[in-house]
Amino acid sequence: MSKLKLEIQRIAEASEGSPSDQQLAAWAEAALAESDEQVEMVIRIVDAPESQQLNRDYRGKDKPTNVLSFPFESPPEVPLPLLGDLVICAPVVSTEARQQNKTLQAHWAHMVVHGTLHLQGYDHQDDQQAQLMEDKERQILQALNFSDPYTDE
């Protein structure tokens, strides 16, 4: 099991059902369960304007998004345990949960797991990568007692 040092920055809150620090940590830990390494990461919960600015600046998409992952790569000569940062947009997660008929807690868990997998190098740029990542997400979320997040897609 990984040894996670997590910093949580709450810039914006979900209206109701905002996850606790303990929930965020448990979900990130679950996504790191196969790692024995000591890692550090940040989860920053933001509002729509900050998410939109970051999404525009780093991905060229001028709209807020649910989760952005910023992996950290240290130079080989400087071993640092920093995995990276997740930026989660509270209003987008709340809206998507309603639109997808999911509980807010289940969607938050999915976003944390999804983003943490990105920080570990998982991606969904092609069908094969997407299938591998989605299978991993399903496995982790099932272990956390959440339903398959992709059943309605």
C-alpha atoms as a PDB file:
ATOM      1  CA  MET A   1       0.000   0.000   0.000  1.00  0.00           C
ATOM      2  CA  SER A   2       1.269   3.447  -0.822  1.00  0.00           C
ATOM      3  CA  LYS A   3       2.155   5.943   1.824  1.00  0.00           C
ATOM      4  CA  LEU A   4       0.321   9.081   0.736  1.00  0.00           C
ATOM      5  CA  LYS A   5       0.985  12.583   1.945  1.00  0.00           C
ATOM      6  CA  LEU A   6      -1.974  14.601   0.684  1.00  0.00           C
ATOM      7  CA  GLU A   7      -2.486  18.343   0.687  1.00  0.00           C
ATOM      8  CA  ILE A   8      -6.072  19.462   0.138  1.00  0.00           C
ATOM      9  CA  GLN A   9      -6.781  23.002  -1.009  1.00  0.00           C
ATOM     10  CA  ARG A  10     -10.446  23.996  -0.857  1.00  0.00           C
ATOM     11  CA  ILE A  11     -10.899  27.074  -3.004  1.00  0.00           C
ATOM     12  CA  ALA A  12     -14.532  26.205  -3.760  1.00  0.00           C
ATOM     13  CA  GLU A  13     -16.928  23.822  -2.055  1.00  0.00           C
ATOM     14  CA  ALA A  14     -19.650  21.644  -3.452  1.00  0.00           C
ATOM     15  CA  SER A  15     -22.934  22.948  -2.078  1.00  0.00           C
ATOM     16  CA  GLU A  16     -24.002  19.796  -0.275  1.00  0.00           C
ATOM     17  CA  GLY A  17     -22.245  16.479  -0.067  1.00  0.00           C
ATOM     18  CA  SER A  18     -18.756  17.883  -0.375  1.00  0.00           C
ATOM     19  CA  PRO A  19     -16.353  15.063   0.424  1.00  0.00           C
ATOM     20  CA  SER A  20     -14.373  15.190   3.631  1.00  0.00           C
ATOM     21  CA  ASP A  21     -10.593  15.268   3.665  1.00  0.00           C
ATOM     22  CA  GLN A  22     -10.695  11.654   4.889  1.00  0.00           C
ATOM     23  CA  GLN A  23     -12.843  10.584   1.919  1.00  0.00           C
ATOM     24  CA  LEU A  24     -10.587  12.335  -0.576  1.00  0.00           C
ATOM     25  CA  ALA A  25      -7.546  10.662   0.985  1.00  0.00           C
ATOM     26  CA  ALA A  26      -9.194   7.216   1.010  1.00  0.00           C
ATOM     27  CA  TRP A  27     -10.145   7.484  -2.667  1.00  0.00           C
ATOM     28  CA  ALA A  28      -6.660   8.632  -3.684  1.00  0.00           C
ATOM     29  CA  GLU A  29      -5.095   5.854  -1.570  1.00  0.00           C
ATOM     30  CA  ALA A  30      -7.319   3.289  -3.284  1.00  0.00           C
ATOM     31  CA  ALA A  31      -6.052   4.447  -6.681  1.00  0.00           C
ATOM     32  CA  LEU A  32      -2.473   4.155  -5.389  1.00  0.00           C
ATOM     33  CA  ALA A  33      -2.947   0.748  -3.746  1.00  0.00           C
ATOM     34  CA  GLU A  34      -0.548  -1.083  -6.083  1.00  0.00           C
ATOM     35  CA  SER A  35       2.300   1.294  -5.253  1.00  0.00           C
ATOM     36  CA  ASP A  36       4.631   0.805  -2.303  1.00  0.00           C
ATOM     37  CA  GLU A  37       6.223   4.201  -2.798  1.00  0.00           C
ATOM     38  CA  GLN A  38       5.911   7.209  -0.530  1.00  0.00           C
ATOM     39  CA  VAL A  39       4.124   9.831  -2.629  1.00  0.00           C
ATOM     40  CA  GLU A  40       2.879  13.348  -2.199  1.00  0.00           C
ATOM     41  CA  MET A  41       0.040  14.932  -4.098  1.00  0.00           C
ATOM     42  CA  VAL A  42      -2.315  17.892  -3.982  1.00  0.00           C
ATOM     43  CA  ILE A  43      -6.058  17.901  -4.523  1.00  0.00           C
ATOM     44  CA  ARG A  44      -7.278  21.428  -5.241  1.00  0.00           C
ATOM     45  CA  ILE A  45     -11.040  21.949  -5.294  1.00  0.00           C
ATOM     46  CA  VAL A  46     -11.864  24.970  -7.432  1.00  0.00           C
ATOM     47  CA  ASP A  47     -14.721  27.005  -8.888  1.00  0.00           C
ATOM     48  CA  ALA A  48     -15.693  27.133 -12.573  1.00  0.00           C
ATOM     49  CA  PRO A  49     -13.634  30.232 -13.524  1.00  0.00           C
ATOM     50  CA  GLU A  50     -10.372  28.731 -12.205  1.00  0.00           C
ATOM     51  CA  SER A  51     -11.091  25.397 -13.882  1.00  0.00           C
ATOM     52  CA  GLN A  52     -11.892  27.142 -17.164  1.00  0.00           C
ATOM     53  CA  GLN A  53      -8.689  29.188 -17.055  1.00  0.00           C
ATOM     54  CA  LEU A  54      -6.530  26.127 -16.357  1.00  0.00           C
ATOM     55  CA  ASN A  55      -8.314  24.052 -18.993  1.00  0.00           C
ATOM     56  CA  ARG A  56      -7.852  26.856 -21.539  1.00  0.00           C
ATOM     57  CA  ASP A  57      -4.207  27.484 -20.639  1.00  0.00           C
ATOM     58  CA  TYR A  58      -3.083  23.845 -20.494  1.00  0.00           C
ATOM     59  CA  ARG A  59      -5.462  21.990 -22.814  1.00  0.00           C
ATOM     60  CA  GLY A  60      -6.686  24.680 -25.199  1.00  0.00           C
ATOM     61  CA  LYS A  61     -10.318  24.070 -24.181  1.00  0.00           C
ATOM     62  CA  ASP A  62     -12.129  27.239 -23.100  1.00  0.00           C
ATOM     63  CA  LYS A  63     -14.593  25.710 -20.639  1.00  0.00           C
ATOM     64  CA  PRO A  64     -14.489  24.372 -17.096  1.00  0.00           C
ATOM     65  CA  THR A  65     -13.928  20.637 -16.733  1.00  0.00           C
ATOM     66  CA  ASN A  66     -14.428  18.074 -13.992  1.00  0.00           C
ATOM     67  CA  VAL A  67     -10.818  17.128 -13.216  1.00  0.00           C
ATOM     68  CA  LEU A  68      -7.398  18.163 -14.460  1.00  0.00           C
ATOM     69  CA  SER A  69      -4.269  16.189 -13.655  1.00  0.00           C
ATOM     70  CA  PHE A  70      -0.833  17.747 -13.528  1.00  0.00           C
ATOM     71  CA  PRO A  71       1.794  15.001 -13.108  1.00  0.00           C
ATOM     72  CA  PHE A  72       5.139  16.049 -11.673  1.00  0.00           C
ATOM     73  CA  GLU A  73       8.333  14.769 -13.246  1.00  0.00           C
ATOM     74  CA  SER A  74      11.464  15.462 -11.274  1.00  0.00           C
ATOM     75  CA  PRO A  75      14.862  15.436 -12.933  1.00  0.00           C
ATOM     76  CA  PRO A  76      16.536  12.017 -12.521  1.00  0.00           C
ATOM     77  CA  GLU A  77      19.227  13.482 -10.269  1.00  0.00           C
ATOM     78  CA  VAL A  78      16.615  14.958  -7.897  1.00  0.00           C
ATOM     79  CA  PRO A  79      14.411  12.177  -6.553  1.00  0.00           C
ATOM     80  CA  LEU A  80      11.260  13.762  -5.153  1.00  0.00           C
ATOM     81  CA  PRO A  81       8.167  11.847  -4.036  1.00  0.00           C
ATOM     82  CA  LEU A  82       5.790  14.419  -5.596  1.00  0.00           C
ATOM     83  CA  LEU A  83       3.259  12.636  -7.803  1.00  0.00           C
ATOM     84  CA  GLY A  84       1.448  15.772  -8.949  1.00  0.00           C
ATOM     85  CA  ASP A  85      -1.705  17.850  -8.555  1.00  0.00           C
ATOM     86  CA  LEU A  86      -5.382  17.207  -9.198  1.00  0.00           C
ATOM     87  CA  VAL A  87      -7.653  20.166  -9.802  1.00  0.00           C
ATOM     88  CA  ILE A  88     -11.312  19.241  -9.354  1.00  0.00           C
ATOM     89  CA  CYS A  89     -14.085  21.677 -10.242  1.00  0.00           C
ATOM     90  CA  ALA A  90     -16.813  21.383  -7.600  1.00  0.00           C
ATOM     91  CA  PRO A  91     -19.645  22.931  -9.674  1.00  0.00           C
ATOM     92  CA  VAL A  92     -18.903  20.737 -12.696  1.00  0.00           C
ATOM     93  CA  VAL A  93     -18.790  17.574 -10.558  1.00  0.00           C
ATOM     94  CA  SER A  94     -22.127  18.509  -8.962  1.00  0.00           C
ATOM     95  CA  THR A  95     -23.757  19.236 -12.322  1.00  0.00           C
ATOM     96  CA  GLU A  96     -22.449  16.040 -13.908  1.00  0.00           C
ATOM     97  CA  ALA A  97     -23.602  13.915 -10.964  1.00  0.00           C
ATOM     98  CA  ARG A  98     -27.152  15.265 -11.402  1.00  0.00           C
ATOM     99  CA  GLN A  99     -27.074  14.875 -15.196  1.00  0.00           C
ATOM    100  CA  GLN A 100     -25.728  11.310 -14.952  1.00  0.00           C
ATOM    101  CA  ASN A 101     -28.096  10.293 -12.132  1.00  0.00           C
ATOM    102  CA  LYS A 102     -25.196   9.445  -9.840  1.00  0.00           C
ATOM    103  CA  THR A 103     -24.748  10.247  -6.203  1.00  0.00           C
ATOM    104  CA  LEU A 104     -22.465  13.182  -5.588  1.00  0.00           C
ATOM    105  CA  GLN A 105     -20.198  10.998  -3.459  1.00  0.00           C
ATOM    106  CA  ALA A 106     -19.873   8.374  -6.223  1.00  0.00           C
ATOM    107  CA  HIS A 107     -18.959  11.001  -8.822  1.00  0.00           C
ATOM    108  CA  TRP A 108     -16.425  12.669  -6.510  1.00  0.00           C
ATOM    109  CA  ALA A 109     -14.838   9.266  -5.841  1.00  0.00           C
ATOM    110  CA  HIS A 110     -14.673   8.623  -9.582  1.00  0.00           C
ATOM    111  CA  MET A 111     -13.007  11.977 -10.272  1.00  0.00           C
ATOM    112  CA  VAL A 112     -10.372  11.408  -7.562  1.00  0.00           C
ATOM    113  CA  VAL A 113      -9.645   7.868  -8.769  1.00  0.00           C
ATOM    114  CA  HIS A 114      -9.621   8.956 -12.433  1.00  0.00           C
ATOM    115  CA  GLY A 115      -7.271  11.866 -11.779  1.00  0.00           C
ATOM    116  CA  THR A 116      -4.960   9.850  -9.533  1.00  0.00           C
ATOM    117  CA  LEU A 117      -4.630   7.207 -12.248  1.00  0.00           C
ATOM    118  CA  HIS A 118      -3.665   9.967 -14.696  1.00  0.00           C
ATOM    119  CA  LEU A 119      -0.942  11.059 -12.274  1.00  0.00           C
ATOM    120  CA  GLN A 120       0.397   7.503 -12.420  1.00  0.00           C
ATOM    121  CA  GLY A 121       0.581   7.536 -16.212  1.00  0.00           C
ATOM    122  CA  TYR A 122      -2.757   6.017 -17.204  1.00  0.00           C
ATOM    123  CA  ASP A 123      -4.457   7.712 -20.128  1.00  0.00           C
ATOM    124  CA  HIS A 124      -7.356   7.395 -22.546  1.00  0.00           C
ATOM    125  CA  GLN A 125      -5.928   8.812 -25.762  1.00  0.00           C
ATOM    126  CA  ASP A 126      -6.831   5.717 -27.779  1.00  0.00           C
ATOM    127  CA  ASP A 127      -9.345   2.888 -27.377  1.00  0.00           C
ATOM    128  CA  GLN A 128      -6.856   0.424 -25.898  1.00  0.00           C
ATOM    129  CA  GLN A 129      -5.584   2.909 -23.285  1.00  0.00           C
ATOM    130  CA  ALA A 130      -9.153   3.981 -22.485  1.00  0.00           C
ATOM    131  CA  GLN A 131     -10.258   0.384 -21.931  1.00  0.00           C
ATOM    132  CA  LEU A 132      -7.302  -0.320 -19.633  1.00  0.00           C
ATOM    133  CA  MET A 133      -7.912   2.853 -17.618  1.00  0.00           C
ATOM    134  CA  GLU A 134     -11.682   2.357 -17.389  1.00  0.00           C
ATOM    135  CA  ASP A 135     -11.225  -1.261 -16.256  1.00  0.00           C
ATOM    136  CA  LYS A 136      -8.839  -0.062 -13.545  1.00  0.00           C
ATOM    137  CA  GLU A 137     -11.326   2.617 -12.443  1.00  0.00           C
ATOM    138  CA  ARG A 138     -14.151   0.053 -12.273  1.00  0.00           C
ATOM    139  CA  GLN A 139     -12.009  -2.295 -10.182  1.00  0.00           C
ATOM    140  CA  ILE A 140     -10.978   0.430  -7.711  1.00  0.00           C
ATOM    141  CA  LEU A 141     -14.464   1.913  -7.408  1.00  0.00           C
ATOM    142  CA  GLN A 142     -16.036  -1.514  -6.925  1.00  0.00           C
ATOM    143  CA  ALA A 143     -13.576  -2.153  -4.064  1.00  0.00           C
ATOM    144  CA  LEU A 144     -14.821   1.140  -2.583  1.00  0.00           C
ATOM    145  CA  ASN A 145     -18.450  -0.049  -2.959  1.00  0.00           C
ATOM    146  CA  PHE A 146     -19.340   2.282  -5.828  1.00  0.00           C
ATOM    147  CA  SER A 147     -21.159   1.287  -9.012  1.00  0.00           C
ATOM    148  CA  ASP A 148     -19.586   1.178 -12.452  1.00  0.00           C
ATOM    149  CA  PRO A 149     -19.235   4.850 -13.476  1.00  0.00           C
ATOM    150  CA  TYR A 150     -19.544   3.965 -17.169  1.00  0.00           C
ATOM    151  CA  THR A 151     -22.798   1.977 -17.141  1.00  0.00           C
ATOM    152  CA  ASP A 152     -24.887   4.764 -18.725  1.00  0.00           C
ATOM    153  CA  GLU A 153     -22.410   5.653 -21.470  1.00  0.00           C
END
